[in-house]
């Protein structure tokens, strides 16, 4: 079975496709870094949409999601954006964890796995 990698660097690939499964590395905000959890989550989900499209799939085929937030007090704020984005009837298995992220401007990081 072939393996495809997209946006590959010396440390990691942003997207890895193995067979009919698509793995995304953790995604943090690009344009919204340092902004509100709402804005960061919107930005991240937009980036995820682009990565999934590049791999030939979309959010309706999500299998799992792991969400890291720096403060559980922002859980409802992040969920409000997530709930408006996720494909109704196709919600993935999901975990949300409070964690310190790689840099202080990031308050949310999301990692997903999807089917093709």
PDB file of N, CA and C in Angstrom:
ATOM      1  N   UNK A   1       0.849  -1.171   0.000  1.00  0.00           N
ATOM      2  CA  UNK A   1       0.000   0.000   0.000  1.00  0.00           C
ATOM      3  C   UNK A   1       0.897   1.237   0.000  1.00  0.00           C
ATOM      4  N   UNK A   2       0.551   2.196  -0.812  1.00  0.00           N
ATOM      5  CA  UNK A   2       1.376   3.396  -0.936  1.00  0.00           C
ATOM      6  C   UNK A   2       1.118   4.384   0.195  1.00  0.00           C
ATOM      7  N   UNK A   3       2.112   5.210   0.429  1.00  0.00           N
ATOM      8  CA  UNK A   3       2.000   6.294   1.395  1.00  0.00           C
ATOM      9  C   UNK A   3       2.304   7.591   0.658  1.00  0.00           C
ATOM     10  N   UNK A   4       1.400   8.567   0.782  1.00  0.00           N
ATOM     11  CA  UNK A   4       1.615   9.903   0.213  1.00  0.00           C
ATOM     12  C   UNK A   4       1.796  10.877   1.364  1.00  0.00           C
ATOM     13  N   UNK A   5       2.677  11.838   1.192  1.00  0.00           N
ATOM     14  CA  UNK A   5       2.912  12.859   2.212  1.00  0.00           C
ATOM     15  C   UNK A   5       2.816  14.236   1.554  1.00  0.00           C
ATOM     16  N   UNK A   6       2.159  15.151   2.240  1.00  0.00           N
ATOM     17  CA  UNK A   6       2.014  16.521   1.760  1.00  0.00           C
ATOM     18  C   UNK A   6       2.591  17.476   2.799  1.00  0.00           C
ATOM     19  N   UNK A   7       3.178  18.563   2.305  1.00  0.00           N
ATOM     20  CA  UNK A   7       3.787  19.576   3.169  1.00  0.00           C
ATOM     21  C   UNK A   7       4.755  18.914   4.151  1.00  0.00           C
ATOM     22  N   UNK A   8       5.711  18.210   3.557  1.00  0.00           N
ATOM     23  CA  UNK A   8       6.688  17.467   4.331  1.00  0.00           C
ATOM     24  C   UNK A   8       7.905  18.311   4.640  1.00  0.00           C
ATOM     25  N   UNK A   9       8.311  18.288   5.882  1.00  0.00           N
ATOM     26  CA  UNK A   9       9.506  18.997   6.318  1.00  0.00           C
ATOM     27  C   UNK A   9      10.445  18.026   7.006  1.00  0.00           C
ATOM     28  N   UNK A  10      11.519  18.525   7.578  1.00  0.00           N
ATOM     29  CA  UNK A  10      12.491  17.649   8.226  1.00  0.00           C
ATOM     30  C   UNK A  10      11.962  16.981   9.488  1.00  0.00           C
ATOM     31  N   UNK A  11      10.943  17.567  10.123  1.00  0.00           N
ATOM     32  CA  UNK A  11      10.430  17.048  11.379  1.00  0.00           C
ATOM     33  C   UNK A  11       9.125  16.276  11.217  1.00  0.00           C
ATOM     34  N   UNK A  12       8.296  16.685  10.258  1.00  0.00           N
ATOM     35  CA  UNK A  12       6.966  16.079  10.125  1.00  0.00           C
ATOM     36  C   UNK A  12       6.345  16.409   8.777  1.00  0.00           C
ATOM     37  N   UNK A  13       5.292  15.672   8.468  1.00  0.00           N
ATOM     38  CA  UNK A  13       4.445  15.968   7.322  1.00  0.00           C
ATOM     39  C   UNK A  13       3.125  16.479   7.864  1.00  0.00           C
ATOM     40  N   UNK A  14       2.551  17.459   7.210  1.00  0.00           N
ATOM     41  CA  UNK A  14       1.270  17.996   7.659  1.00  0.00           C
ATOM     42  C   UNK A  14       0.139  17.017   7.355  1.00  0.00           C
ATOM     43  N   UNK A  15       0.251  16.297   6.235  1.00  0.00           N
ATOM     44  CA  UNK A  15      -0.777  15.336   5.833  1.00  0.00           C
ATOM     45  C   UNK A  15      -0.087  14.065   5.375  1.00  0.00           C
ATOM     46  N   UNK A  16      -0.593  12.921   5.863  1.00  0.00           N
ATOM     47  CA  UNK A  16      -0.099  11.616   5.416  1.00  0.00           C
ATOM     48  C   UNK A  16      -1.312  10.783   5.013  1.00  0.00           C
ATOM     49  N   UNK A  17      -1.238  10.214   3.806  1.00  0.00           N
ATOM     50  CA  UNK A  17      -2.309   9.352   3.315  1.00  0.00           C
ATOM     51  C   UNK A  17      -1.750   7.945   3.170  1.00  0.00           C
ATOM     52  N   UNK A  18      -2.394   6.998   3.852  1.00  0.00           N
ATOM     53  CA  UNK A  18      -2.008   5.594   3.772  1.00  0.00           C
ATOM     54  C   UNK A  18      -3.256   4.808   3.405  1.00  0.00           C
ATOM     55  N   UNK A  19      -3.268   4.282   2.198  1.00  0.00           N
ATOM     56  CA  UNK A  19      -4.475   3.594   1.735  1.00  0.00           C
ATOM     57  C   UNK A  19      -5.630   4.571   1.672  1.00  0.00           C
ATOM     58  N   UNK A  20      -6.702   4.245   2.372  1.00  0.00           N
ATOM     59  CA  UNK A  20      -7.884   5.108   2.390  1.00  0.00           C
ATOM     60  C   UNK A  20      -8.014   5.896   3.687  1.00  0.00           C
ATOM     61  N   UNK A  21      -6.899   6.071   4.394  1.00  0.00           N
ATOM     62  CA  UNK A  21      -6.921   6.816   5.647  1.00  0.00           C
ATOM     63  C   UNK A  21      -6.012   8.043   5.530  1.00  0.00           C
ATOM     64  N   UNK A  22      -6.522   9.174   6.000  1.00  0.00           N
ATOM     65  CA  UNK A  22      -5.806  10.448   5.941  1.00  0.00           C
ATOM     66  C   UNK A  22      -5.528  10.904   7.375  1.00  0.00           C
ATOM     67  N   UNK A  23      -4.252  11.156   7.660  1.00  0.00           N
ATOM     68  CA  UNK A  23      -3.827  11.606   8.986  1.00  0.00           C
ATOM     69  C   UNK A  23      -3.322  13.036   8.877  1.00  0.00           C
ATOM     70  N   UNK A  24      -3.837  13.920   9.703  1.00  0.00           N
ATOM     71  CA  UNK A  24      -3.347  15.288   9.747  1.00  0.00           C
ATOM     72  C   UNK A  24      -2.530  15.489  11.012  1.00  0.00           C
ATOM     73  N   UNK A  25      -1.427  16.200  10.892  1.00  0.00           N
ATOM     74  CA  UNK A  25      -0.672  16.622  12.071  1.00  0.00           C
ATOM     75  C   UNK A  25      -1.525  17.638  12.819  1.00  0.00           C
ATOM     76  N   UNK A  26      -1.139  17.958  14.032  1.00  0.00           N
ATOM     77  CA  UNK A  26      -1.861  18.985  14.771  1.00  0.00           C
ATOM     78  C   UNK A  26      -1.828  20.302  14.015  1.00  0.00           C
ATOM     79  N   UNK A  27      -2.976  20.948  13.921  1.00  0.00           N
ATOM     80  CA  UNK A  27      -3.104  22.202  13.186  1.00  0.00           C
ATOM     81  C   UNK A  27      -3.354  23.332  14.182  1.00  0.00           C
ATOM     82  N   UNK A  28      -2.562  24.383  14.086  1.00  0.00           N
ATOM     83  CA  UNK A  28      -2.762  25.589  14.886  1.00  0.00           C
ATOM     84  C   UNK A  28      -3.144  26.735  13.955  1.00  0.00           C
ATOM     85  N   UNK A  29      -3.618  27.808  14.551  1.00  0.00           N
ATOM     86  CA  UNK A  29      -4.049  28.967  13.768  1.00  0.00           C
ATOM     87  C   UNK A  29      -2.882  29.567  12.998  1.00  0.00           C
ATOM     88  N   UNK A  30      -3.165  30.010  11.799  1.00  0.00           N
ATOM     89  CA  UNK A  30      -2.178  30.725  10.998  1.00  0.00           C
ATOM     90  C   UNK A  30      -2.434  32.218  11.125  1.00  0.00           C
ATOM     91  N   UNK A  31      -3.461  32.691  10.456  1.00  0.00           N
ATOM     92  CA  UNK A  31      -3.807  34.115  10.461  1.00  0.00           C
ATOM     93  C   UNK A  31      -4.330  34.577  11.817  1.00  0.00           C
ATOM     94  N   UNK A  32      -4.932  33.672  12.584  1.00  0.00           N
ATOM     95  CA  UNK A  32      -5.576  34.065  13.845  1.00  0.00           C
ATOM     96  C   UNK A  32      -4.710  33.796  15.075  1.00  0.00           C
ATOM     97  N   UNK A  33      -3.447  33.482  14.887  1.00  0.00           N
ATOM     98  CA  UNK A  33      -2.565  33.260  16.044  1.00  0.00           C
ATOM     99  C   UNK A  33      -2.604  34.484  16.951  1.00  0.00           C
ATOM    100  N   UNK A  34      -2.754  34.248  18.245  1.00  0.00           N
ATOM    101  CA  UNK A  34      -2.806  35.336  19.204  1.00  0.00           C
ATOM    102  C   UNK A  34      -4.183  35.956  19.384  1.00  0.00           C
ATOM    103  N   UNK A  35      -5.146  35.517  18.578  1.00  0.00           N
ATOM    104  CA  UNK A  35      -6.506  36.061  18.673  1.00  0.00           C
ATOM    105  C   UNK A  35      -7.363  35.172  19.569  1.00  0.00           C
ATOM    106  N   UNK A  36      -8.654  35.403  19.592  1.00  0.00           N
ATOM    107  CA  UNK A  36      -9.565  34.673  20.477  1.00  0.00           C
ATOM    108  C   UNK A  36      -9.635  33.192  20.106  1.00  0.00           C
ATOM    109  N   UNK A  37     -10.116  32.388  21.042  1.00  0.00           N
ATOM    110  CA  UNK A  37     -10.311  30.960  20.790  1.00  0.00           C
ATOM    111  C   UNK A  37     -11.295  30.767  19.636  1.00  0.00           C
ATOM    112  N   UNK A  38     -12.315  31.583  19.565  1.00  0.00           N
ATOM    113  CA  UNK A  38     -13.278  31.506  18.457  1.00  0.00           C
ATOM    114  C   UNK A  38     -12.567  31.700  17.126  1.00  0.00           C
ATOM    115  N   UNK A  39     -11.781  32.771  17.014  1.00  0.00           N
ATOM    116  CA  UNK A  39     -11.082  33.065  15.761  1.00  0.00           C
ATOM    117  C   UNK A  39     -10.041  32.002  15.430  1.00  0.00           C
ATOM    118  N   UNK A  40      -9.319  31.532  16.442  1.00  0.00           N
ATOM    119  CA  UNK A  40      -8.330  30.486  16.200  1.00  0.00           C
ATOM    120  C   UNK A  40      -8.998  29.199  15.727  1.00  0.00           C
ATOM    121  N   UNK A  41     -10.094  28.820  16.360  1.00  0.00           N
ATOM    122  CA  UNK A  41     -10.792  27.591  15.964  1.00  0.00           C
ATOM    123  C   UNK A  41     -11.320  27.713  14.536  1.00  0.00           C
ATOM    124  N   UNK A  42     -11.895  28.847  14.187  1.00  0.00           N
ATOM    125  CA  UNK A  42     -12.375  29.061  12.814  1.00  0.00           C
ATOM    126  C   UNK A  42     -11.235  28.921  11.818  1.00  0.00           C
ATOM    127  N   UNK A  43     -10.110  29.526  12.114  1.00  0.00           N
ATOM    128  CA  UNK A  43      -8.942  29.477  11.244  1.00  0.00           C
ATOM    129  C   UNK A  43      -8.445  28.039  11.097  1.00  0.00           C
ATOM    130  N   UNK A  44      -8.324  27.346  12.207  1.00  0.00           N
ATOM    131  CA  UNK A  44      -7.853  25.956  12.185  1.00  0.00           C
ATOM    132  C   UNK A  44      -8.770  25.075  11.349  1.00  0.00           C
ATOM    133  N   UNK A  45     -10.073  25.198  11.544  1.00  0.00           N
ATOM    134  CA  UNK A  45     -11.012  24.351  10.803  1.00  0.00           C
ATOM    135  C   UNK A  45     -10.975  24.655   9.307  1.00  0.00           C
ATOM    136  N   UNK A  46     -10.723  25.897   8.950  1.00  0.00           N
ATOM    137  CA  UNK A  46     -10.561  26.257   7.541  1.00  0.00           C
ATOM    138  C   UNK A  46      -9.303  25.599   6.962  1.00  0.00           C
ATOM    139  N   UNK A  47      -8.222  25.603   7.738  1.00  0.00           N
ATOM    140  CA  UNK A  47      -6.986  24.949   7.305  1.00  0.00           C
ATOM    141  C   UNK A  47      -7.214  23.448   7.157  1.00  0.00           C
ATOM    142  N   UNK A  48      -7.927  22.852   8.116  1.00  0.00           N
ATOM    143  CA  UNK A  48      -8.233  21.419   8.048  1.00  0.00           C
ATOM    144  C   UNK A  48      -9.039  21.107   6.793  1.00  0.00           C
ATOM    145  N   UNK A  49     -10.032  21.931   6.478  1.00  0.00           N
ATOM    146  CA  UNK A  49     -10.811  21.736   5.236  1.00  0.00           C
ATOM    147  C   UNK A  49      -9.887  21.687   4.022  1.00  0.00           C
ATOM    148  N   UNK A  50      -8.914  22.591   3.963  1.00  0.00           N
ATOM    149  CA  UNK A  50      -7.980  22.628   2.835  1.00  0.00           C
ATOM    150  C   UNK A  50      -7.099  21.393   2.771  1.00  0.00           C
ATOM    151  N   UNK A  51      -6.590  20.956   3.924  1.00  0.00           N
ATOM    152  CA  UNK A  51      -5.763  19.744   3.954  1.00  0.00           C
ATOM    153  C   UNK A  51      -6.560  18.510   3.534  1.00  0.00           C
ATOM    154  N   UNK A  52      -7.780  18.405   4.028  1.00  0.00           N
ATOM    155  CA  UNK A  52      -8.611  17.248   3.674  1.00  0.00           C
ATOM    156  C   UNK A  52      -8.906  17.242   2.176  1.00  0.00           C
ATOM    157  N   UNK A  53      -9.198  18.403   1.617  1.00  0.00           N
ATOM    158  CA  UNK A  53      -9.469  18.493   0.173  1.00  0.00           C
ATOM    159  C   UNK A  53      -8.244  18.070  -0.631  1.00  0.00           C
ATOM    160  N   UNK A  54      -7.073  18.517  -0.192  1.00  0.00           N
ATOM    161  CA  UNK A  54      -5.828  18.149  -0.868  1.00  0.00           C
ATOM    162  C   UNK A  54      -5.636  16.632  -0.873  1.00  0.00           C
ATOM    163  N   UNK A  55      -6.098  15.981   0.174  1.00  0.00           N
ATOM    164  CA  UNK A  55      -5.954  14.528   0.295  1.00  0.00           C
ATOM    165  C   UNK A  55      -7.118  13.764  -0.332  1.00  0.00           C
ATOM    166  N   UNK A  56      -8.087  14.483  -0.898  1.00  0.00           N
ATOM    167  CA  UNK A  56      -9.201  13.840  -1.585  1.00  0.00           C
ATOM    168  C   UNK A  56     -10.347  13.432  -0.684  1.00  0.00           C
ATOM    169  N   UNK A  57     -10.561  14.158   0.403  1.00  0.00           N
ATOM    170  CA  UNK A  57     -11.657  13.835   1.307  1.00  0.00           C
ATOM    171  C   UNK A  57     -12.240  15.118   1.885  1.00  0.00           C
ATOM    172  N   UNK A  58     -13.120  14.992   2.870  1.00  0.00           N
ATOM    173  CA  UNK A  58     -13.714  16.171   3.506  1.00  0.00           C
ATOM    174  C   UNK A  58     -14.169  15.830   4.925  1.00  0.00           C
ATOM    175  N   UNK A  59     -14.675  16.828   5.619  1.00  0.00           N
ATOM    176  CA  UNK A  59     -15.033  16.672   7.030  1.00  0.00           C
ATOM    177  C   UNK A  59     -16.156  15.672   7.279  1.00  0.00           C
ATOM    178  N   UNK A  60     -16.926  15.333   6.276  1.00  0.00           N
ATOM    179  CA  UNK A  60     -17.989  14.335   6.460  1.00  0.00           C
ATOM    180  C   UNK A  60     -17.414  12.933   6.662  1.00  0.00           C
ATOM    181  N   UNK A  61     -16.129  12.773   6.407  1.00  0.00           N
ATOM    182  CA  UNK A  61     -15.487  11.463   6.536  1.00  0.00           C
ATOM    183  C   UNK A  61     -14.500  11.411   7.707  1.00  0.00           C
ATOM    184  N   UNK A  62     -14.626  12.361   8.642  1.00  0.00           N
ATOM    185  CA  UNK A  62     -13.762  12.339   9.819  1.00  0.00           C
ATOM    186  C   UNK A  62     -14.006  11.073  10.632  1.00  0.00           C
ATOM    187  N   UNK A  63     -12.914  10.467  11.074  1.00  0.00           N
ATOM    188  CA  UNK A  63     -12.992   9.281  11.929  1.00  0.00           C
ATOM    189  C   UNK A  63     -12.748   9.652  13.386  1.00  0.00           C
ATOM    190  N   UNK A  64     -11.752  10.509  13.611  1.00  0.00           N
ATOM    191  CA  UNK A  64     -11.435  10.915  14.975  1.00  0.00           C
ATOM    192  C   UNK A  64     -10.845  12.318  14.976  1.00  0.00           C
ATOM    193  N   UNK A  65     -10.940  12.954  16.148  1.00  0.00           N
ATOM    194  CA  UNK A  65     -10.364  14.284  16.345  1.00  0.00           C
ATOM    195  C   UNK A  65      -9.824  14.366  17.763  1.00  0.00           C
ATOM    196  N   UNK A  66      -8.667  14.969  17.885  1.00  0.00           N
ATOM    197  CA  UNK A  66      -8.100  15.285  19.190  1.00  0.00           C
ATOM    198  C   UNK A  66      -7.901  16.789  19.230  1.00  0.00           C
ATOM    199  N   UNK A  67      -8.490  17.413  20.241  1.00  0.00           N
ATOM    200  CA  UNK A  67      -8.439  18.866  20.364  1.00  0.00           C
ATOM    201  C   UNK A  67      -7.688  19.214  21.639  1.00  0.00           C
ATOM    202  N   UNK A  68      -6.710  20.084  21.493  1.00  0.00           N
ATOM    203  CA  UNK A  68      -5.938  20.567  22.626  1.00  0.00           C
ATOM    204  C   UNK A  68      -6.291  22.039  22.833  1.00  0.00           C
ATOM    205  N   UNK A  69      -6.667  22.399  24.060  1.00  0.00           N
ATOM    206  CA  UNK A  69      -6.926  23.801  24.379  1.00  0.00           C
ATOM    207  C   UNK A  69      -6.123  24.153  25.634  1.00  0.00           C
ATOM    208  N   UNK A  70      -5.704  25.395  25.722  1.00  0.00           N
ATOM    209  CA  UNK A  70      -4.844  25.793  26.834  1.00  0.00           C
ATOM    210  C   UNK A  70      -5.616  26.072  28.114  1.00  0.00           C
ATOM    211  N   UNK A  71      -6.943  26.234  28.017  1.00  0.00           N
ATOM    212  CA  UNK A  71      -7.743  26.524  29.199  1.00  0.00           C
ATOM    213  C   UNK A  71      -9.145  25.942  29.009  1.00  0.00           C
ATOM    214  N   UNK A  72      -9.525  25.008  29.863  1.00  0.00           N
ATOM    215  CA  UNK A  72     -10.839  24.373  29.740  1.00  0.00           C
ATOM    216  C   UNK A  72     -11.991  25.365  29.896  1.00  0.00           C
ATOM    217  N   UNK A  73     -11.720  26.536  30.426  1.00  0.00           N
ATOM    218  CA  UNK A  73     -12.765  27.559  30.516  1.00  0.00           C
ATOM    219  C   UNK A  73     -13.213  27.996  29.125  1.00  0.00           C
ATOM    220  N   UNK A  74     -12.362  27.780  28.112  1.00  0.00           N
ATOM    221  CA  UNK A  74     -12.712  28.166  26.738  1.00  0.00           C
ATOM    222  C   UNK A  74     -13.363  27.023  25.964  1.00  0.00           C
ATOM    223  N   UNK A  75     -13.595  25.903  26.630  1.00  0.00           N
ATOM    224  CA  UNK A  75     -14.213  24.728  25.990  1.00  0.00           C
ATOM    225  C   UNK A  75     -15.533  25.081  25.293  1.00  0.00           C
ATOM    226  N   UNK A  76     -16.469  25.808  25.955  1.00  0.00           N
ATOM    227  CA  UNK A  76     -17.721  26.159  25.271  1.00  0.00           C
ATOM    228  C   UNK A  76     -17.509  27.043  24.036  1.00  0.00           C
ATOM    229  N   UNK A  77     -16.536  27.953  24.113  1.00  0.00           N
ATOM    230  CA  UNK A  77     -16.236  28.846  22.986  1.00  0.00           C
ATOM    231  C   UNK A  77     -15.740  28.051  21.784  1.00  0.00           C
ATOM    232  N   UNK A  78     -14.816  27.118  22.044  1.00  0.00           N
ATOM    233  CA  UNK A  78     -14.300  26.274  20.966  1.00  0.00           C
ATOM    234  C   UNK A  78     -15.416  25.387  20.411  1.00  0.00           C
ATOM    235  N   UNK A  79     -16.219  24.791  21.304  1.00  0.00           N
ATOM    236  CA  UNK A  79     -17.306  23.911  20.877  1.00  0.00           C
ATOM    237  C   UNK A  79     -18.340  24.622  20.019  1.00  0.00           C
ATOM    238  N   UNK A  80     -18.596  25.886  20.300  1.00  0.00           N
ATOM    239  CA  UNK A  80     -19.573  26.638  19.500  1.00  0.00           C
ATOM    240  C   UNK A  80     -19.140  26.685  18.039  1.00  0.00           C
ATOM    241  N   UNK A  81     -17.858  26.875  17.806  1.00  0.00           N
ATOM    242  CA  UNK A  81     -17.340  26.905  16.433  1.00  0.00           C
ATOM    243  C   UNK A  81     -17.340  25.492  15.849  1.00  0.00           C
ATOM    244  N   UNK A  82     -16.840  24.533  16.619  1.00  0.00           N
ATOM    245  CA  UNK A  82     -16.787  23.136  16.169  1.00  0.00           C
ATOM    246  C   UNK A  82     -18.171  22.654  15.764  1.00  0.00           C
ATOM    247  N   UNK A  83     -19.174  22.895  16.624  1.00  0.00           N
ATOM    248  CA  UNK A  83     -20.537  22.405  16.368  1.00  0.00           C
ATOM    249  C   UNK A  83     -21.122  22.982  15.089  1.00  0.00           C
ATOM    250  N   UNK A  84     -20.753  24.210  14.745  1.00  0.00           N
ATOM    251  CA  UNK A  84     -21.222  24.815  13.505  1.00  0.00           C
ATOM    252  C   UNK A  84     -20.494  24.315  12.272  1.00  0.00           C
ATOM    253  N   UNK A  85     -19.341  23.704  12.479  1.00  0.00           N
ATOM    254  CA  UNK A  85     -18.509  23.234  11.361  1.00  0.00           C
ATOM    255  C   UNK A  85     -18.668  21.749  11.072  1.00  0.00           C
ATOM    256  N   UNK A  86     -18.716  20.939  12.102  1.00  0.00           N
ATOM    257  CA  UNK A  86     -18.699  19.489  11.927  1.00  0.00           C
ATOM    258  C   UNK A  86     -19.927  19.038  11.134  1.00  0.00           C
ATOM    259  N   UNK A  87     -19.756  17.995  10.337  1.00  0.00           N
ATOM    260  CA  UNK A  87     -20.825  17.487   9.474  1.00  0.00           C
ATOM    261  C   UNK A  87     -21.877  16.745  10.308  1.00  0.00           C
ATOM    262  N   UNK A  88     -23.088  17.279  10.338  1.00  0.00           N
ATOM    263  CA  UNK A  88     -24.175  16.674  11.116  1.00  0.00           C
ATOM    264  C   UNK A  88     -24.382  15.216  10.709  1.00  0.00           C
ATOM    265  N   UNK A  89     -24.490  14.358  11.693  1.00  0.00           N
ATOM    266  CA  UNK A  89     -24.680  12.934  11.427  1.00  0.00           C
ATOM    267  C   UNK A  89     -23.394  12.193  11.128  1.00  0.00           C
ATOM    268  N   UNK A  90     -22.281  12.922  11.012  1.00  0.00           N
ATOM    269  CA  UNK A  90     -20.985  12.311  10.695  1.00  0.00           C
ATOM    270  C   UNK A  90     -19.927  12.720  11.711  1.00  0.00           C
ATOM    271  N   UNK A  91     -20.333  12.944  12.940  1.00  0.00           N
ATOM    272  CA  UNK A  91     -19.385  13.405  13.946  1.00  0.00           C
ATOM    273  C   UNK A  91     -18.374  12.305  14.269  1.00  0.00           C
ATOM    274  N   UNK A  92     -17.106  12.694  14.426  1.00  0.00           N
ATOM    275  CA  UNK A  92     -16.051  11.714  14.689  1.00  0.00           C
ATOM    276  C   UNK A  92     -15.972  11.355  16.170  1.00  0.00           C
ATOM    277  N   UNK A  93     -15.245  10.292  16.462  1.00  0.00           N
ATOM    278  CA  UNK A  93     -14.826  10.058  17.838  1.00  0.00           C
ATOM    279  C   UNK A  93     -13.929  11.242  18.195  1.00  0.00           C
ATOM    280  N   UNK A  94     -14.016  11.725  19.451  1.00  0.00           N
ATOM    281  CA  UNK A  94     -13.294  12.958  19.764  1.00  0.00           C
ATOM    282  C   UNK A  94     -12.851  12.991  21.215  1.00  0.00           C
ATOM    283  N   UNK A  95     -11.705  13.598  21.434  1.00  0.00           N
ATOM    284  CA  UNK A  95     -11.213  13.880  22.781  1.00  0.00           C
ATOM    285  C   UNK A  95     -10.765  15.332  22.811  1.00  0.00           C
ATOM    286  N   UNK A  96     -10.981  15.976  23.954  1.00  0.00           N
ATOM    287  CA  UNK A  96     -10.483  17.339  24.150  1.00  0.00           C
ATOM    288  C   UNK A  96      -9.664  17.337  25.432  1.00  0.00           C
ATOM    289  N   UNK A  97      -8.469  17.908  25.334  1.00  0.00           N
ATOM    290  CA  UNK A  97      -7.510  17.879  26.424  1.00  0.00           C
ATOM    291  C   UNK A  97      -6.998  19.291  26.690  1.00  0.00           C
ATOM    292  N   UNK A  98      -6.861  19.638  27.966  1.00  0.00           N
ATOM    293  CA  UNK A  98      -6.203  20.892  28.310  1.00  0.00           C
ATOM    294  C   UNK A  98      -4.699  20.647  28.311  1.00  0.00           C
ATOM    295  N   UNK A  99      -3.965  21.485  27.591  1.00  0.00           N
ATOM    296  CA  UNK A  99      -2.516  21.281  27.471  1.00  0.00           C
ATOM    297  C   UNK A  99      -1.823  22.606  27.187  1.00  0.00           C
ATOM    298  N   UNK A 100      -0.560  22.666  27.556  1.00  0.00           N
ATOM    299  CA  UNK A 100       0.281  23.794  27.171  1.00  0.00           C
ATOM    300  C   UNK A 100       0.725  23.529  25.730  1.00  0.00           C
ATOM    301  N   UNK A 101       0.552  24.502  24.852  1.00  0.00           N
ATOM    302  CA  UNK A 101       0.910  24.318  23.451  1.00  0.00           C
ATOM    303  C   UNK A 101       2.310  24.864  23.178  1.00  0.00           C
ATOM    304  N   UNK A 102       2.774  24.672  21.948  1.00  0.00           N
ATOM    305  CA  UNK A 102       4.162  24.964  21.585  1.00  0.00           C
ATOM    306  C   UNK A 102       4.577  26.428  21.733  1.00  0.00           C
ATOM    307  N   UNK A 103       3.633  27.338  21.596  1.00  0.00           N
ATOM    308  CA  UNK A 103       3.954  28.765  21.692  1.00  0.00           C
ATOM    309  C   UNK A 103       2.769  29.492  22.323  1.00  0.00           C
ATOM    310  N   UNK A 104       3.010  30.571  23.039  1.00  0.00           N
ATOM    311  CA  UNK A 104       1.937  31.237  23.786  1.00  0.00           C
ATOM    312  C   UNK A 104       0.832  31.862  22.941  1.00  0.00           C
ATOM    313  N   UNK A 105       1.080  32.108  21.668  1.00  0.00           N
ATOM    314  CA  UNK A 105       0.034  32.695  20.823  1.00  0.00           C
ATOM    315  C   UNK A 105      -1.016  31.672  20.391  1.00  0.00           C
ATOM    316  N   UNK A 106      -0.779  30.399  20.679  1.00  0.00           N
ATOM    317  CA  UNK A 106      -1.719  29.339  20.312  1.00  0.00           C
ATOM    318  C   UNK A 106      -2.540  28.901  21.510  1.00  0.00           C
ATOM    319  N   UNK A 107      -3.857  28.921  21.354  1.00  0.00           N
ATOM    320  CA  UNK A 107      -4.767  28.479  22.404  1.00  0.00           C
ATOM    321  C   UNK A 107      -5.522  27.217  22.029  1.00  0.00           C
ATOM    322  N   UNK A 108      -5.438  26.830  20.756  1.00  0.00           N
ATOM    323  CA  UNK A 108      -6.155  25.663  20.257  1.00  0.00           C
ATOM    324  C   UNK A 108      -5.263  24.944  19.245  1.00  0.00           C
ATOM    325  N   UNK A 109      -5.284  23.627  19.295  1.00  0.00           N
ATOM    326  CA  UNK A 109      -4.616  22.786  18.277  1.00  0.00           C
ATOM    327  C   UNK A 109      -5.539  21.598  18.030  1.00  0.00           C
ATOM    328  N   UNK A 110      -5.760  21.281  16.763  1.00  0.00           N
ATOM    329  CA  UNK A 110      -6.663  20.186  16.414  1.00  0.00           C
ATOM    330  C   UNK A 110      -5.973  19.228  15.467  1.00  0.00           C
ATOM    331  N   UNK A 111      -6.125  17.947  15.759  1.00  0.00           N
ATOM    332  CA  UNK A 111      -5.527  16.869  14.954  1.00  0.00           C
ATOM    333  C   UNK A 111      -6.667  15.930  14.560  1.00  0.00           C
ATOM    334  N   UNK A 112      -6.769  15.582  13.284  1.00  0.00           N
ATOM    335  CA  UNK A 112      -7.856  14.694  12.842  1.00  0.00           C
ATOM    336  C   UNK A 112      -7.338  13.548  11.982  1.00  0.00           C
ATOM    337  N   UNK A 113      -8.155  12.512  11.923  1.00  0.00           N
ATOM    338  CA  UNK A 113      -7.950  11.383  11.031  1.00  0.00           C
ATOM    339  C   UNK A 113      -9.262  11.227  10.256  1.00  0.00           C
ATOM    340  N   UNK A 114      -9.146  10.991   8.946  1.00  0.00           N
ATOM    341  CA  UNK A 114     -10.336  10.870   8.101  1.00  0.00           C
ATOM    342  C   UNK A 114     -10.187   9.704   7.139  1.00  0.00           C
ATOM    343  N   UNK A 115     -11.307   9.196   6.671  1.00  0.00           N
ATOM    344  CA  UNK A 115     -11.332   8.209   5.600  1.00  0.00           C
ATOM    345  C   UNK A 115     -11.384   8.964   4.276  1.00  0.00           C
ATOM    346  N   UNK A 116     -10.982   8.285   3.211  1.00  0.00           N
ATOM    347  CA  UNK A 116     -11.088   8.898   1.875  1.00  0.00           C
ATOM    348  C   UNK A 116     -12.451   8.627   1.297  1.00  0.00           C
TER     349      UNK A 116
END
